[in-house]
C-alpha atoms as a PDB file:
ATOM      1  CA  MET A   1      -9.736 -14.147 -27.519  1.00  0.00           C
ATOM      2  CA  ASN A   2      -6.665 -13.507 -26.494  1.00  0.00           C
ATOM      3  CA  ASP A   3      -7.414  -9.762 -27.801  1.00  0.00           C
ATOM      4  CA  LEU A   4      -9.234  -8.761 -24.261  1.00  0.00           C
ATOM      5  CA  ALA A   5     -10.819  -6.333 -27.057  1.00  0.00           C
ATOM      6  CA  GLY A   6      -7.692  -4.365 -27.270  1.00  0.00           C
ATOM      7  CA  ALA A   7      -6.994  -4.242 -23.730  1.00  0.00           C
ATOM      8  CA  ARG A   8      -3.847  -2.731 -22.656  1.00  0.00           C
ATOM      9  CA  PRO A   9      -3.120  -3.753 -19.170  1.00  0.00           C
ATOM     10  CA  GLU A  10      -0.134  -0.440 -17.927  1.00  0.00           C
ATOM     11  CA  GLN A  11       2.893  -2.106 -16.824  1.00  0.00           C
ATOM     12  CA  PRO A  12       3.735  -3.413 -12.676  1.00  0.00           C
ATOM     13  CA  PHE A  13       5.667  -0.540 -11.132  1.00  0.00           C
ATOM     14  CA  ASP A  14       7.554   0.353  -7.520  1.00  0.00           C
ATOM     15  CA  ILE A  15       7.046   2.329  -4.629  1.00  0.00           C
ATOM     16  CA  LEU A  16       9.866   2.588  -1.774  1.00  0.00           C
ATOM     17  CA  VAL A  17       8.900   1.510   1.372  1.00  0.00           C
ATOM     18  CA  ASP A  18      10.905   2.049   4.411  1.00  0.00           C
ATOM     19  CA  GLY A  19      14.079   3.179   1.023  1.00  0.00           C
ATOM     20  CA  ARG A  20      12.640  -0.985  -0.169  1.00  0.00           C
ATOM     21  CA  ALA A  21      10.949  -1.174  -3.761  1.00  0.00           C
ATOM     22  CA  VAL A  22       7.913  -3.225  -3.387  1.00  0.00           C
ATOM     23  CA  PRO A  23       6.369  -4.067  -6.430  1.00  0.00           C
ATOM     24  CA  VAL A  24       2.825  -2.865  -7.560  1.00  0.00           C
ATOM     25  CA  LEU A  25      -0.051  -3.508  -9.972  1.00  0.00           C
ATOM     26  CA  PRO A  26      -1.735  -1.080 -11.285  1.00  0.00           C
ATOM     27  CA  GLY A  27      -4.786  -0.105  -9.603  1.00  0.00           C
ATOM     28  CA  GLN A  28      -3.372  -1.736  -6.267  1.00  0.00           C
ATOM     29  CA  THR A  29      -3.718   0.424  -2.877  1.00  0.00           C
ATOM     30  CA  ILE A  30      -0.706   0.657  -1.493  1.00  0.00           C
ATOM     31  CA  GLY A  31      -2.071  -1.712   1.670  1.00  0.00           C
ATOM     32  CA  ALA A  32      -2.708  -4.208  -1.309  1.00  0.00           C
ATOM     33  CA  ALA A  33       0.669  -3.469  -2.275  1.00  0.00           C
ATOM     34  CA  LEU A  34       2.178  -4.132   0.913  1.00  0.00           C
ATOM     35  CA  HIS A  35       0.130  -7.186   1.806  1.00  0.00           C
ATOM     36  CA  ALA A  36       0.793  -8.994  -1.788  1.00  0.00           C
ATOM     37  CA  ALA A  37       4.101  -7.909  -0.492  1.00  0.00           C
ATOM     38  CA  GLY A  38       4.493 -10.628   2.640  1.00  0.00           C
ATOM     39  CA  ILE A  39       4.573  -7.215   4.483  1.00  0.00           C
ATOM     40  CA  ARG A  40       1.338  -7.799   7.134  1.00  0.00           C
ATOM     41  CA  ALA A  41       2.028  -5.247   9.798  1.00  0.00           C
ATOM     42  CA  TRP A  42       3.661  -1.162   9.482  1.00  0.00           C
ATOM     43  CA  ARG A  43       3.228  -0.168  12.855  1.00  0.00           C
ATOM     44  CA  THR A  44       2.441  -0.795  16.441  1.00  0.00           C
ATOM     45  CA  THR A  45      -0.328   0.118  18.858  1.00  0.00           C
ATOM     46  CA  ARG A  46       0.435   3.025  21.456  1.00  0.00           C
ATOM     47  CA  PHE A  47       0.310   1.286  24.250  1.00  0.00           C
ATOM     48  CA  GLY A  48       1.086  -1.912  23.863  1.00  0.00           C
ATOM     49  CA  GLY A  49       3.620  -2.242  20.747  1.00  0.00           C
ATOM     50  CA  ARG A  50       0.993  -4.380  19.547  1.00  0.00           C
ATOM     51  CA  PRO A  51       1.651  -4.812  15.288  1.00  0.00           C
ATOM     52  CA  ARG A  52      -0.888  -3.336  12.700  1.00  0.00           C
ATOM     53  CA  GLY A  53      -1.528  -3.063   9.311  1.00  0.00           C
ATOM     54  CA  LEU A  54      -4.347  -3.923   7.001  1.00  0.00           C
ATOM     55  CA  PHE A  55      -7.429  -4.233   9.513  1.00  0.00           C
ATOM     56  CA  CYS A  56     -10.695  -3.755   7.895  1.00  0.00           C
ATOM     57  CA  GLY A  57      -9.421  -2.554   4.354  1.00  0.00           C
ATOM     58  CA  ILE A  58     -12.575  -0.268   3.844  1.00  0.00           C
ATOM     59  CA  GLY A  59     -11.246   2.927   5.742  1.00  0.00           C
ATOM     60  CA  VAL A  60     -13.270   2.708   8.746  1.00  0.00           C
ATOM     61  CA  CYS A  61     -10.268   1.638  11.350  1.00  0.00           C
ATOM     62  CA  PHE A  62      -6.990   3.644  11.274  1.00  0.00           C
ATOM     63  CA  ASP A  63      -5.027   0.580  11.682  1.00  0.00           C
ATOM     64  CA  CYS A  64      -3.303   1.127   8.707  1.00  0.00           C
ATOM     65  CA  LEU A  65      -1.780   4.456   8.870  1.00  0.00           C
ATOM     66  CA  VAL A  66       1.737   5.506   6.451  1.00  0.00           C
ATOM     67  CA  SER A  67       3.259   8.565   5.480  1.00  0.00           C
ATOM     68  CA  VAL A  68       3.395   8.667   1.728  1.00  0.00           C
ATOM     69  CA  ASN A  69       5.519  11.680  -0.049  1.00  0.00           C
ATOM     70  CA  GLY A  70       5.766  13.290   3.451  1.00  0.00           C
ATOM     71  CA  ALA A  71       2.143  13.706   4.253  1.00  0.00           C
ATOM     72  CA  PRO A  72       2.006  11.820   7.497  1.00  0.00           C
ATOM     73  CA  GLU A  73      -1.300   9.650   8.911  1.00  0.00           C
ATOM     74  CA  GLN A  74      -2.518   8.274   5.184  1.00  0.00           C
ATOM     75  CA  ARG A  75      -4.757   5.198   5.328  1.00  0.00           C
ATOM     76  CA  ALA A  76      -3.033   2.627   2.833  1.00  0.00           C
ATOM     77  CA  CYS A  77      -5.867   0.396   2.222  1.00  0.00           C
ATOM     78  CA  LEU A  78      -7.565   3.680   0.591  1.00  0.00           C
ATOM     79  CA  LEU A  79      -5.000   5.186  -1.098  1.00  0.00           C
ATOM     80  CA  GLN A  80      -4.170   4.267  -4.592  1.00  0.00           C
ATOM     81  CA  ALA A  81      -0.151   3.456  -5.070  1.00  0.00           C
ATOM     82  CA  ARG A  82       1.205   5.978  -7.757  1.00  0.00           C
ATOM     83  CA  PRO A  83       4.511   5.324  -9.295  1.00  0.00           C
ATOM     84  CA  GLY A  84       7.412   7.362  -7.921  1.00  0.00           C
ATOM     85  CA  ASP A  85       5.411   7.338  -4.464  1.00  0.00           C
ATOM     86  CA  GLU A  86       7.988   7.047  -1.239  1.00  0.00           C
ATOM     87  CA  VAL A  87       5.769   5.449   2.025  1.00  0.00           C
ATOM     88  CA  ARG A  88       7.344   5.645   5.705  1.00  0.00           C
ATOM     89  CA  THR A  89       5.726   3.242   7.906  1.00  0.00           C
END
C-alpha cells in the first residue's frame, strides 16, 4: 500500500524571488508557491499604491503580474515554477 503504485514524486526545489529563496513543490505555479510561503502581495496598484497578489487565480485578472527570468508581465497564477526561475516583483 505504501508503494503508491511505483510513483516517485519529484523533489521540492527553490526559486529566487527578489533574491530570496522560496520553496516550491513540483507542479506548483509561481503564485501558489508565493502564497504558500506567506507572501500575499508582491505589487501595488498604480493609483493609490494598494497591495496586489493572487486575486482570481485563473488568469482572468492582472493582479499577480511578475517578471520571470527577465520576461515582464507574467501571470504568476498561470506559470508553473521551474527549478532555477528568478522572479522579480
